[in-house]
């Protein structure tokens, strides 16, 4: 026997197994926290680019200034700045001003995601 739910025919045995999670409504409840899902998506997006993974890898060895990262990666300042800002926004790296330079450090959060 099938049960009509939200214009979909869901087999009774599947609905029965879903009751453990509160049924269809319980599953929908898992998706209610849009903020948490958006944050998780931003984190995955931040590590989805090979250049950002390379930056994290370099910074996992030691803190570096932009000039070193740029030289190693061979990319333009504007492109590097874009990638650094994404990594800073998700708190995978932090910058520390030292004189005229900013030295970038990987954070524990960044190390965790790099190791994942």
PDB file of N, CA and C in Angstrom:
ATOM      1  N   UNK A   1       0.841  -1.186   0.000  1.00  0.00           N
ATOM      2  CA  UNK A   1       0.000   0.000   0.000  1.00  0.00           C
ATOM      3  C   UNK A   1       0.879   1.239   0.000  1.00  0.00           C
ATOM      4  N   UNK A   2       0.467   2.260  -0.756  1.00  0.00           N
ATOM      5  CA  UNK A   2       1.211   3.502  -0.819  1.00  0.00           C
ATOM      6  C   UNK A   2       0.400   4.619  -0.193  1.00  0.00           C
ATOM      7  N   UNK A   3       1.115   5.637   0.341  1.00  0.00           N
ATOM      8  CA  UNK A   3       0.476   6.767   1.000  1.00  0.00           C
ATOM      9  C   UNK A   3       0.757   8.004   0.183  1.00  0.00           C
ATOM     10  N   UNK A   4      -0.280   8.833  -0.030  1.00  0.00           N
ATOM     11  CA  UNK A   4      -0.116  10.088  -0.752  1.00  0.00           C
ATOM     12  C   UNK A   4       0.460  11.129   0.200  1.00  0.00           C
ATOM     13  N   UNK A   5       1.612  11.749  -0.155  1.00  0.00           N
ATOM     14  CA  UNK A   5       2.241  12.791   0.665  1.00  0.00           C
ATOM     15  C   UNK A   5       2.930  13.780  -0.257  1.00  0.00           C
ATOM     16  N   UNK A   6       2.507  15.036  -0.207  1.00  0.00           N
ATOM     17  CA  UNK A   6       3.119  16.094  -1.006  1.00  0.00           C
ATOM     18  C   UNK A   6       3.164  15.736  -2.487  1.00  0.00           C
ATOM     19  N   UNK A   7       2.068  15.234  -3.010  1.00  0.00           N
ATOM     20  CA  UNK A   7       1.943  14.890  -4.416  1.00  0.00           C
ATOM     21  C   UNK A   7       2.892  13.773  -4.854  1.00  0.00           C
ATOM     22  N   UNK A   8       3.467  13.054  -3.917  1.00  0.00           N
ATOM     23  CA  UNK A   8       4.354  11.935  -4.236  1.00  0.00           C
ATOM     24  C   UNK A   8       3.763  10.658  -3.633  1.00  0.00           C
ATOM     25  N   UNK A   9       3.886   9.601  -4.350  1.00  0.00           N
ATOM     26  CA  UNK A   9       3.470   8.308  -3.813  1.00  0.00           C
ATOM     27  C   UNK A   9       4.666   7.697  -3.115  1.00  0.00           C
ATOM     28  N   UNK A  10       4.596   7.633  -1.795  1.00  0.00           N
ATOM     29  CA  UNK A  10       5.684   7.078  -1.001  1.00  0.00           C
ATOM     30  C   UNK A  10       5.231   5.739  -0.461  1.00  0.00           C
ATOM     31  N   UNK A  11       5.994   4.693  -0.747  1.00  0.00           N
ATOM     32  CA  UNK A  11       5.608   3.363  -0.247  1.00  0.00           C
ATOM     33  C   UNK A  11       5.517   3.348   1.285  1.00  0.00           C
ATOM     34  N   UNK A  12       4.565   2.614   1.788  1.00  0.00           N
ATOM     35  CA  UNK A  12       4.304   2.551   3.231  1.00  0.00           C
ATOM     36  C   UNK A  12       5.531   2.073   4.009  1.00  0.00           C
ATOM     37  N   UNK A  13       6.281   1.099   3.473  1.00  0.00           N
ATOM     38  CA  UNK A  13       7.445   0.594   4.201  1.00  0.00           C
ATOM     39  C   UNK A  13       8.521   1.677   4.353  1.00  0.00           C
ATOM     40  N   UNK A  14       8.640   2.550   3.370  1.00  0.00           N
ATOM     41  CA  UNK A  14       9.602   3.649   3.480  1.00  0.00           C
ATOM     42  C   UNK A  14       9.124   4.672   4.503  1.00  0.00           C
ATOM     43  N   UNK A  15       7.826   5.002   4.440  1.00  0.00           N
ATOM     44  CA  UNK A  15       7.271   5.927   5.436  1.00  0.00           C
ATOM     45  C   UNK A  15       7.449   5.372   6.848  1.00  0.00           C
ATOM     46  N   UNK A  16       7.254   4.086   6.992  1.00  0.00           N
ATOM     47  CA  UNK A  16       7.410   3.457   8.302  1.00  0.00           C
ATOM     48  C   UNK A  16       8.846   3.608   8.797  1.00  0.00           C
ATOM     49  N   UNK A  17       9.822   3.403   7.926  1.00  0.00           N
ATOM     50  CA  UNK A  17      11.223   3.549   8.345  1.00  0.00           C
ATOM     51  C   UNK A  17      11.574   5.007   8.647  1.00  0.00           C
ATOM     52  N   UNK A  18      10.882   5.925   8.017  1.00  0.00           N
ATOM     53  CA  UNK A  18      11.133   7.349   8.266  1.00  0.00           C
ATOM     54  C   UNK A  18      10.545   7.836   9.591  1.00  0.00           C
ATOM     55  N   UNK A  19       9.618   7.097  10.152  1.00  0.00           N
ATOM     56  CA  UNK A  19       8.993   7.512  11.420  1.00  0.00           C
ATOM     57  C   UNK A  19      10.037   7.670  12.525  1.00  0.00           C
ATOM     58  N   UNK A  20      11.128   6.922  12.436  1.00  0.00           N
ATOM     59  CA  UNK A  20      12.222   7.047  13.404  1.00  0.00           C
ATOM     60  C   UNK A  20      12.772   8.471  13.424  1.00  0.00           C
ATOM     61  N   UNK A  21      12.717   9.123  12.277  1.00  0.00           N
ATOM     62  CA  UNK A  21      13.261  10.484  12.140  1.00  0.00           C
ATOM     63  C   UNK A  21      12.174  11.552  12.203  1.00  0.00           C
ATOM     64  N   UNK A  22      10.967  11.137  12.525  1.00  0.00           N
ATOM     65  CA  UNK A  22       9.860  12.088  12.589  1.00  0.00           C
ATOM     66  C   UNK A  22       9.108  12.209  11.275  1.00  0.00           C
ATOM     67  N   UNK A  23       9.275  11.223  10.417  1.00  0.00           N
ATOM     68  CA  UNK A  23       8.575  11.223   9.140  1.00  0.00           C
ATOM     69  C   UNK A  23       9.120  12.282   8.190  1.00  0.00           C
ATOM     70  N   UNK A  24       8.304  12.593   7.201  1.00  0.00           N
ATOM     71  CA  UNK A  24       8.685  13.602   6.200  1.00  0.00           C
ATOM     72  C   UNK A  24       8.932  14.948   6.878  1.00  0.00           C
ATOM     73  N   UNK A  25       8.102  15.290   7.817  1.00  0.00           N
ATOM     74  CA  UNK A  25       8.269  16.560   8.548  1.00  0.00           C
ATOM     75  C   UNK A  25       9.577  16.617   9.309  1.00  0.00           C
ATOM     76  N   UNK A  26       9.977  15.492   9.882  1.00  0.00           N
ATOM     77  CA  UNK A  26      11.252  15.438  10.596  1.00  0.00           C
ATOM     78  C   UNK A  26      12.430  15.637   9.664  1.00  0.00           C
ATOM     79  N   UNK A  27      12.341  15.037   8.483  1.00  0.00           N
ATOM     80  CA  UNK A  27      13.400  15.230   7.498  1.00  0.00           C
ATOM     81  C   UNK A  27      13.456  16.681   7.031  1.00  0.00           C
ATOM     82  N   UNK A  28      12.276  17.283   6.829  1.00  0.00           N
ATOM     83  CA  UNK A  28      12.250  18.705   6.447  1.00  0.00           C
ATOM     84  C   UNK A  28      12.883  19.569   7.533  1.00  0.00           C
ATOM     85  N   UNK A  29      12.686  19.168   8.782  1.00  0.00           N
ATOM     86  CA  UNK A  29      13.258  19.920   9.901  1.00  0.00           C
ATOM     87  C   UNK A  29      14.774  19.970   9.869  1.00  0.00           C
ATOM     88  N   UNK A  30      15.402  18.936   9.299  1.00  0.00           N
ATOM     89  CA  UNK A  30      16.864  18.931   9.171  1.00  0.00           C
ATOM     90  C   UNK A  30      17.360  20.065   8.281  1.00  0.00           C
ATOM     91  N   UNK A  31      16.491  20.551   7.421  1.00  0.00           N
ATOM     92  CA  UNK A  31      16.873  21.584   6.455  1.00  0.00           C
ATOM     93  C   UNK A  31      16.460  22.988   6.890  1.00  0.00           C
ATOM     94  N   UNK A  32      15.890  23.113   8.076  1.00  0.00           N
ATOM     95  CA  UNK A  32      15.380  24.402   8.539  1.00  0.00           C
ATOM     96  C   UNK A  32      16.468  25.423   8.826  1.00  0.00           C
ATOM     97  N   UNK A  33      17.615  24.987   9.296  1.00  0.00           N
ATOM     98  CA  UNK A  33      18.672  25.920   9.674  1.00  0.00           C
ATOM     99  C   UNK A  33      19.457  26.339   8.437  1.00  0.00           C
ATOM    100  N   UNK A  34      18.879  27.265   7.689  1.00  0.00           N
ATOM    101  CA  UNK A  34      19.489  27.730   6.444  1.00  0.00           C
ATOM    102  C   UNK A  34      20.866  28.345   6.685  1.00  0.00           C
ATOM    103  N   UNK A  35      21.034  29.030   7.817  1.00  0.00           N
ATOM    104  CA  UNK A  35      22.315  29.665   8.126  1.00  0.00           C
ATOM    105  C   UNK A  35      23.434  28.652   8.257  1.00  0.00           C
ATOM    106  N   UNK A  36      23.174  27.568   8.963  1.00  0.00           N
ATOM    107  CA  UNK A  36      24.191  26.531   9.144  1.00  0.00           C
ATOM    108  C   UNK A  36      24.518  25.857   7.822  1.00  0.00           C
ATOM    109  N   UNK A  37      23.510  25.623   7.000  1.00  0.00           N
ATOM    110  CA  UNK A  37      23.746  25.004   5.699  1.00  0.00           C
ATOM    111  C   UNK A  37      24.522  25.944   4.784  1.00  0.00           C
ATOM    112  N   UNK A  38      24.206  27.233   4.826  1.00  0.00           N
ATOM    113  CA  UNK A  38      24.929  28.213   4.008  1.00  0.00           C
ATOM    114  C   UNK A  38      26.380  28.317   4.453  1.00  0.00           C
ATOM    115  N   UNK A  39      26.619  28.257   5.764  1.00  0.00           N
ATOM    116  CA  UNK A  39      27.995  28.310   6.271  1.00  0.00           C
ATOM    117  C   UNK A  39      28.785  27.087   5.816  1.00  0.00           C
ATOM    118  N   UNK A  40      28.160  25.939   5.896  1.00  0.00           N
ATOM    119  CA  UNK A  40      28.836  24.710   5.466  1.00  0.00           C
ATOM    120  C   UNK A  40      29.137  24.775   3.965  1.00  0.00           C
ATOM    121  N   UNK A  41      28.205  25.284   3.183  1.00  0.00           N
ATOM    122  CA  UNK A  41      28.431  25.424   1.745  1.00  0.00           C
ATOM    123  C   UNK A  41      29.595  26.366   1.465  1.00  0.00           C
ATOM    124  N   UNK A  42      29.702  27.452   2.227  1.00  0.00           N
ATOM    125  CA  UNK A  42      30.808  28.402   2.051  1.00  0.00           C
ATOM    126  C   UNK A  42      32.149  27.744   2.371  1.00  0.00           C
ATOM    127  N   UNK A  43      32.175  26.910   3.402  1.00  0.00           N
ATOM    128  CA  UNK A  43      33.412  26.217   3.763  1.00  0.00           C
ATOM    129  C   UNK A  43      33.838  25.248   2.657  1.00  0.00           C
ATOM    130  N   UNK A  44      32.890  24.489   2.145  1.00  0.00           N
ATOM    131  CA  UNK A  44      33.218  23.554   1.061  1.00  0.00           C
ATOM    132  C   UNK A  44      33.645  24.318  -0.190  1.00  0.00           C
ATOM    133  N   UNK A  45      32.986  25.423  -0.458  1.00  0.00           N
ATOM    134  CA  UNK A  45      33.350  26.239  -1.613  1.00  0.00           C
ATOM    135  C   UNK A  45      34.773  26.778  -1.474  1.00  0.00           C
ATOM    136  N   UNK A  46      35.135  27.173  -0.268  1.00  0.00           N
ATOM    137  CA  UNK A  46      36.473  27.735  -0.032  1.00  0.00           C
ATOM    138  C   UNK A  46      37.574  26.731  -0.331  1.00  0.00           C
ATOM    139  N   UNK A  47      37.336  25.459  -0.075  1.00  0.00           N
ATOM    140  CA  UNK A  47      38.368  24.453  -0.322  1.00  0.00           C
ATOM    141  C   UNK A  47      38.174  23.728  -1.657  1.00  0.00           C
ATOM    142  N   UNK A  48      37.237  24.217  -2.459  1.00  0.00           N
ATOM    143  CA  UNK A  48      36.979  23.546  -3.735  1.00  0.00           C
ATOM    144  C   UNK A  48      37.900  24.027  -4.851  1.00  0.00           C
ATOM    145  N   UNK A  49      38.667  25.063  -4.604  1.00  0.00           N
ATOM    146  CA  UNK A  49      39.549  25.605  -5.629  1.00  0.00           C
ATOM    147  C   UNK A  49      40.993  25.170  -5.382  1.00  0.00           C
ATOM    148  N   UNK A  50      41.664  24.629  -6.391  1.00  0.00           N
ATOM    149  CA  UNK A  50      43.045  24.169  -6.202  1.00  0.00           C
ATOM    150  C   UNK A  50      44.001  25.269  -5.737  1.00  0.00           C
ATOM    151  N   UNK A  51      43.801  26.490  -6.182  1.00  0.00           N
ATOM    152  CA  UNK A  51      44.695  27.576  -5.749  1.00  0.00           C
ATOM    153  C   UNK A  51      44.559  27.805  -4.247  1.00  0.00           C
ATOM    154  N   UNK A  52      43.333  27.777  -3.738  1.00  0.00           N
ATOM    155  CA  UNK A  52      43.140  27.977  -2.302  1.00  0.00           C
ATOM    156  C   UNK A  52      43.720  26.810  -1.506  1.00  0.00           C
ATOM    157  N   UNK A  53      43.628  25.613  -2.041  1.00  0.00           N
ATOM    158  CA  UNK A  53      44.260  24.472  -1.374  1.00  0.00           C
ATOM    159  C   UNK A  53      45.780  24.614  -1.376  1.00  0.00           C
ATOM    160  N   UNK A  54      46.324  25.133  -2.451  1.00  0.00           N
ATOM    161  CA  UNK A  54      47.771  25.373  -2.506  1.00  0.00           C
ATOM    162  C   UNK A  54      48.183  26.418  -1.478  1.00  0.00           C
ATOM    163  N   UNK A  55      47.381  27.474  -1.348  1.00  0.00           N
ATOM    164  CA  UNK A  55      47.685  28.518  -0.356  1.00  0.00           C
ATOM    165  C   UNK A  55      47.672  27.921   1.043  1.00  0.00           C
ATOM    166  N   UNK A  56      46.647  27.145   1.349  1.00  0.00           N
ATOM    167  CA  UNK A  56      46.567  26.507   2.669  1.00  0.00           C
ATOM    168  C   UNK A  56      47.759  25.587   2.901  1.00  0.00           C
ATOM    169  N   UNK A  57      48.157  24.850   1.870  1.00  0.00           N
ATOM    170  CA  UNK A  57      49.296  23.948   1.994  1.00  0.00           C
ATOM    171  C   UNK A  57      50.570  24.732   2.288  1.00  0.00           C
ATOM    172  N   UNK A  58      50.784  25.820   1.565  1.00  0.00           N
ATOM    173  CA  UNK A  58      51.973  26.653   1.810  1.00  0.00           C
ATOM    174  C   UNK A  58      51.974  27.205   3.230  1.00  0.00           C
ATOM    175  N   UNK A  59      50.815  27.695   3.666  1.00  0.00           N
ATOM    176  CA  UNK A  59      50.737  28.304   4.997  1.00  0.00           C
ATOM    177  C   UNK A  59      50.791  27.256   6.107  1.00  0.00           C
ATOM    178  N   UNK A  60      50.535  26.007   5.765  1.00  0.00           N
ATOM    179  CA  UNK A  60      50.647  24.963   6.787  1.00  0.00           C
ATOM    180  C   UNK A  60      52.106  24.688   7.133  1.00  0.00           C
ATOM    181  N   UNK A  61      53.019  25.057   6.230  1.00  0.00           N
ATOM    182  CA  UNK A  61      54.449  24.880   6.473  1.00  0.00           C
ATOM    183  C   UNK A  61      54.963  25.980   7.389  1.00  0.00           C
ATOM    184  N   UNK A  62      54.573  27.227   7.066  1.00  0.00           N
ATOM    185  CA  UNK A  62      54.974  28.370   7.884  1.00  0.00           C
ATOM    186  C   UNK A  62      54.189  29.593   7.443  1.00  0.00           C
ATOM    187  N   UNK A  63      54.050  30.582   8.316  1.00  0.00           N
ATOM    188  CA  UNK A  63      53.409  31.841   7.921  1.00  0.00           C
ATOM    189  C   UNK A  63      54.223  32.504   6.802  1.00  0.00           C
ATOM    190  N   UNK A  64      53.524  33.112   5.849  1.00  0.00           N
ATOM    191  CA  UNK A  64      54.185  33.716   4.699  1.00  0.00           C
ATOM    192  C   UNK A  64      53.570  35.057   4.333  1.00  0.00           C
ATOM    193  N   UNK A  65      54.384  35.916   3.717  1.00  0.00           N
ATOM    194  CA  UNK A  65      53.863  37.168   3.191  1.00  0.00           C
ATOM    195  C   UNK A  65      53.319  36.928   1.781  1.00  0.00           C
ATOM    196  N   UNK A  66      52.534  37.866   1.302  1.00  0.00           N
ATOM    197  CA  UNK A  66      51.921  37.757  -0.016  1.00  0.00           C
ATOM    198  C   UNK A  66      52.979  37.599  -1.099  1.00  0.00           C
ATOM    199  N   UNK A  67      54.089  38.322  -0.975  1.00  0.00           N
ATOM    200  CA  UNK A  67      55.106  38.269  -2.026  1.00  0.00           C
ATOM    201  C   UNK A  67      55.654  36.856  -2.221  1.00  0.00           C
ATOM    202  N   UNK A  68      55.794  36.091  -1.154  1.00  0.00           N
ATOM    203  CA  UNK A  68      56.285  34.712  -1.277  1.00  0.00           C
ATOM    204  C   UNK A  68      55.211  33.820  -1.899  1.00  0.00           C
ATOM    205  N   UNK A  69      53.991  33.929  -1.417  1.00  0.00           N
ATOM    206  CA  UNK A  69      52.895  33.110  -1.953  1.00  0.00           C
ATOM    207  C   UNK A  69      52.725  33.404  -3.442  1.00  0.00           C
ATOM    208  N   UNK A  70      52.730  34.674  -3.813  1.00  0.00           N
ATOM    209  CA  UNK A  70      52.591  35.079  -5.214  1.00  0.00           C
ATOM    210  C   UNK A  70      53.714  34.479  -6.068  1.00  0.00           C
ATOM    211  N   UNK A  71      54.934  34.539  -5.556  1.00  0.00           N
ATOM    212  CA  UNK A  71      56.090  34.025  -6.298  1.00  0.00           C
ATOM    213  C   UNK A  71      55.987  32.510  -6.487  1.00  0.00           C
ATOM    214  N   UNK A  72      55.619  31.801  -5.445  1.00  0.00           N
ATOM    215  CA  UNK A  72      55.511  30.336  -5.532  1.00  0.00           C
ATOM    216  C   UNK A  72      54.406  29.934  -6.503  1.00  0.00           C
ATOM    217  N   UNK A  73      53.250  30.597  -6.410  1.00  0.00           N
ATOM    218  CA  UNK A  73      52.115  30.218  -7.242  1.00  0.00           C
ATOM    219  C   UNK A  73      52.178  30.816  -8.646  1.00  0.00           C
ATOM    220  N   UNK A  74      52.923  31.908  -8.796  1.00  0.00           N
ATOM    221  CA  UNK A  74      53.028  32.547 -10.108  1.00  0.00           C
ATOM    222  C   UNK A  74      51.723  33.140 -10.596  1.00  0.00           C
ATOM    223  N   UNK A  75      50.982  33.788  -9.693  1.00  0.00           N
ATOM    224  CA  UNK A  75      49.707  34.397 -10.085  1.00  0.00           C
ATOM    225  C   UNK A  75      49.731  35.897  -9.805  1.00  0.00           C
ATOM    226  N   UNK A  76      48.831  36.622 -10.431  1.00  0.00           N
ATOM    227  CA  UNK A  76      48.740  38.070 -10.287  1.00  0.00           C
ATOM    228  C   UNK A  76      48.257  38.448  -8.890  1.00  0.00           C
ATOM    229  N   UNK A  77      48.656  39.655  -8.453  1.00  0.00           N
ATOM    230  CA  UNK A  77      48.244  40.154  -7.139  1.00  0.00           C
ATOM    231  C   UNK A  77      46.730  40.145  -6.969  1.00  0.00           C
ATOM    232  N   UNK A  78      46.001  40.593  -7.982  1.00  0.00           N
ATOM    233  CA  UNK A  78      44.540  40.683  -7.848  1.00  0.00           C
ATOM    234  C   UNK A  78      43.920  39.301  -7.666  1.00  0.00           C
ATOM    235  N   UNK A  79      44.432  38.335  -8.388  1.00  0.00           N
ATOM    236  CA  UNK A  79      43.912  36.969  -8.267  1.00  0.00           C
ATOM    237  C   UNK A  79      44.243  36.383  -6.897  1.00  0.00           C
ATOM    238  N   UNK A  80      45.456  36.618  -6.422  1.00  0.00           N
ATOM    239  CA  UNK A  80      45.856  36.139  -5.105  1.00  0.00           C
ATOM    240  C   UNK A  80      45.023  36.798  -4.015  1.00  0.00           C
ATOM    241  N   UNK A  81      44.811  38.100  -4.149  1.00  0.00           N
ATOM    242  CA  UNK A  81      44.004  38.838  -3.177  1.00  0.00           C
ATOM    243  C   UNK A  81      42.592  38.259  -3.084  1.00  0.00           C
ATOM    244  N   UNK A  82      42.022  37.920  -4.229  1.00  0.00           N
ATOM    245  CA  UNK A  82      40.689  37.319  -4.272  1.00  0.00           C
ATOM    246  C   UNK A  82      40.659  36.014  -3.475  1.00  0.00           C
ATOM    247  N   UNK A  83      41.618  35.142  -3.708  1.00  0.00           N
ATOM    248  CA  UNK A  83      41.654  33.848  -3.024  1.00  0.00           C
ATOM    249  C   UNK A  83      41.934  34.010  -1.528  1.00  0.00           C
ATOM    250  N   UNK A  84      42.818  34.929  -1.181  1.00  0.00           N
ATOM    251  CA  UNK A  84      43.097  35.183   0.240  1.00  0.00           C
ATOM    252  C   UNK A  84      41.844  35.692   0.954  1.00  0.00           C
ATOM    253  N   UNK A  85      41.087  36.551   0.300  1.00  0.00           N
ATOM    254  CA  UNK A  85      39.881  37.089   0.946  1.00  0.00           C
ATOM    255  C   UNK A  85      38.856  35.998   1.207  1.00  0.00           C
ATOM    256  N   UNK A  86      38.728  35.054   0.286  1.00  0.00           N
ATOM    257  CA  UNK A  86      37.799  33.937   0.508  1.00  0.00           C
ATOM    258  C   UNK A  86      38.254  33.106   1.701  1.00  0.00           C
ATOM    259  N   UNK A  87      39.535  32.813   1.773  1.00  0.00           N
ATOM    260  CA  UNK A  87      40.062  32.027   2.894  1.00  0.00           C
ATOM    261  C   UNK A  87      39.939  32.777   4.216  1.00  0.00           C
ATOM    262  N   UNK A  88      40.101  34.092   4.187  1.00  0.00           N
ATOM    263  CA  UNK A  88      39.931  34.892   5.415  1.00  0.00           C
ATOM    264  C   UNK A  88      38.474  34.911   5.841  1.00  0.00           C
ATOM    265  N   UNK A  89      37.567  35.031   4.884  1.00  0.00           N
ATOM    266  CA  UNK A  89      36.135  35.115   5.203  1.00  0.00           C
ATOM    267  C   UNK A  89      35.613  33.878   5.908  1.00  0.00           C
ATOM    268  N   UNK A  90      36.184  32.725   5.608  1.00  0.00           N
ATOM    269  CA  UNK A  90      35.748  31.491   6.277  1.00  0.00           C
ATOM    270  C   UNK A  90      36.675  31.139   7.441  1.00  0.00           C
ATOM    271  N   UNK A  91      37.574  32.054   7.758  1.00  0.00           N
ATOM    272  CA  UNK A  91      38.484  31.931   8.904  1.00  0.00           C
ATOM    273  C   UNK A  91      39.438  30.746   8.791  1.00  0.00           C
ATOM    274  N   UNK A  92      39.878  30.444   7.572  1.00  0.00           N
ATOM    275  CA  UNK A  92      40.895  29.414   7.368  1.00  0.00           C
ATOM    276  C   UNK A  92      42.296  30.009   7.495  1.00  0.00           C
ATOM    277  N   UNK A  93      42.399  31.310   7.276  1.00  0.00           N
ATOM    278  CA  UNK A  93      43.672  32.009   7.440  1.00  0.00           C
ATOM    279  C   UNK A  93      43.407  33.332   8.154  1.00  0.00           C
ATOM    280  N   UNK A  94      44.491  33.906   8.674  1.00  0.00           N
ATOM    281  CA  UNK A  94      44.403  35.237   9.269  1.00  0.00           C
ATOM    282  C   UNK A  94      45.658  35.994   8.876  1.00  0.00           C
ATOM    283  N   UNK A  95      45.521  37.296   8.778  1.00  0.00           N
ATOM    284  CA  UNK A  95      46.652  38.141   8.434  1.00  0.00           C
ATOM    285  C   UNK A  95      47.121  38.924   9.650  1.00  0.00           C
ATOM    286  N   UNK A  96      48.434  39.089   9.758  1.00  0.00           N
ATOM    287  CA  UNK A  96      49.039  39.836  10.869  1.00  0.00           C
ATOM    288  C   UNK A  96      49.972  40.878  10.269  1.00  0.00           C
ATOM    289  N   UNK A  97      49.681  42.131  10.550  1.00  0.00           N
ATOM    290  CA  UNK A  97      50.496  43.214   9.997  1.00  0.00           C
ATOM    291  C   UNK A  97      51.844  43.250  10.703  1.00  0.00           C
ATOM    292  N   UNK A  98      52.908  43.253   9.902  1.00  0.00           N
ATOM    293  CA  UNK A  98      54.275  43.380  10.408  1.00  0.00           C
ATOM    294  C   UNK A  98      54.975  44.425   9.541  1.00  0.00           C
ATOM    295  N   UNK A  99      55.052  45.630  10.076  1.00  0.00           N
ATOM    296  CA  UNK A  99      55.617  46.727   9.293  1.00  0.00           C
ATOM    297  C   UNK A  99      54.736  47.020   8.096  1.00  0.00           C
ATOM    298  N   UNK A 100      55.329  46.996   6.900  1.00  0.00           N
ATOM    299  CA  UNK A 100      54.572  47.260   5.670  1.00  0.00           C
ATOM    300  C   UNK A 100      53.956  46.002   5.072  1.00  0.00           C
ATOM    301  N   UNK A 101      54.183  44.871   5.679  1.00  0.00           N
ATOM    302  CA  UNK A 101      53.708  43.600   5.132  1.00  0.00           C
ATOM    303  C   UNK A 101      52.614  42.991   6.002  1.00  0.00           C
ATOM    304  N   UNK A 102      51.839  42.154   5.350  1.00  0.00           N
ATOM    305  CA  UNK A 102      50.881  41.324   6.077  1.00  0.00           C
ATOM    306  C   UNK A 102      51.379  39.889   5.957  1.00  0.00           C
ATOM    307  N   UNK A 103      51.548  39.264   7.099  1.00  0.00           N
ATOM    308  CA  UNK A 103      51.980  37.868   7.150  1.00  0.00           C
ATOM    309  C   UNK A 103      50.730  37.021   7.379  1.00  0.00           C
ATOM    310  N   UNK A 104      50.531  36.047   6.510  1.00  0.00           N
ATOM    311  CA  UNK A 104      49.356  35.189   6.610  1.00  0.00           C
ATOM    312  C   UNK A 104      49.706  33.893   7.333  1.00  0.00           C
ATOM    313  N   UNK A 105      48.784  33.487   8.198  1.00  0.00           N
ATOM    314  CA  UNK A 105      48.912  32.273   9.009  1.00  0.00           C
ATOM    315  C   UNK A 105      47.694  31.397   8.737  1.00  0.00           C
ATOM    316  N   UNK A 106      47.892  30.097   8.725  1.00  0.00           N
ATOM    317  CA  UNK A 106      46.759  29.185   8.663  1.00  0.00           C
ATOM    318  C   UNK A 106      46.196  29.063  10.085  1.00  0.00           C
ATOM    319  N   UNK A 107      44.892  28.995  10.203  1.00  0.00           N
ATOM    320  CA  UNK A 107      44.251  28.832  11.515  1.00  0.00           C
ATOM    321  C   UNK A 107      44.044  27.344  11.796  1.00  0.00           C
ATOM    322  N   UNK A 108      43.670  27.024  13.014  1.00  0.00           N
ATOM    323  CA  UNK A 108      43.363  25.630  13.338  1.00  0.00           C
ATOM    324  C   UNK A 108      42.202  25.119  12.484  1.00  0.00           C
ATOM    325  N   UNK A 109      41.241  25.983  12.253  1.00  0.00           N
ATOM    326  CA  UNK A 109      40.106  25.619  11.394  1.00  0.00           C
ATOM    327  C   UNK A 109      40.607  25.292   9.986  1.00  0.00           C
ATOM    328  N   UNK A 110      41.537  26.086   9.478  1.00  0.00           N
ATOM    329  CA  UNK A 110      42.121  25.834   8.165  1.00  0.00           C
ATOM    330  C   UNK A 110      42.909  24.540   8.123  1.00  0.00           C
ATOM    331  N   UNK A 111      43.671  24.281   9.193  1.00  0.00           N
ATOM    332  CA  UNK A 111      44.434  23.022   9.267  1.00  0.00           C
ATOM    333  C   UNK A 111      43.494  21.820   9.261  1.00  0.00           C
ATOM    334  N   UNK A 112      42.408  21.944   9.997  1.00  0.00           N
ATOM    335  CA  UNK A 112      41.420  20.857  10.059  1.00  0.00           C
ATOM    336  C   UNK A 112      40.866  20.550   8.665  1.00  0.00           C
ATOM    337  N   UNK A 113      40.444  21.579   7.943  1.00  0.00           N
ATOM    338  CA  UNK A 113      39.859  21.380   6.619  1.00  0.00           C
ATOM    339  C   UNK A 113      40.893  20.913   5.605  1.00  0.00           C
ATOM    340  N   UNK A 114      42.138  21.349   5.760  1.00  0.00           N
ATOM    341  CA  UNK A 114      43.196  20.900   4.852  1.00  0.00           C
ATOM    342  C   UNK A 114      43.463  19.407   5.045  1.00  0.00           C
ATOM    343  N   UNK A 115      43.393  18.957   6.283  1.00  0.00           N
ATOM    344  CA  UNK A 115      43.661  17.554   6.595  1.00  0.00           C
ATOM    345  C   UNK A 115      42.495  16.633   6.239  1.00  0.00           C
ATOM    346  N   UNK A 116      41.306  17.218   6.080  1.00  0.00           N
ATOM    347  CA  UNK A 116      40.100  16.402   5.818  1.00  0.00           C
ATOM    348  C   UNK A 116      40.113  15.754   4.453  1.00  0.00           C
TER     349      UNK A 116
END
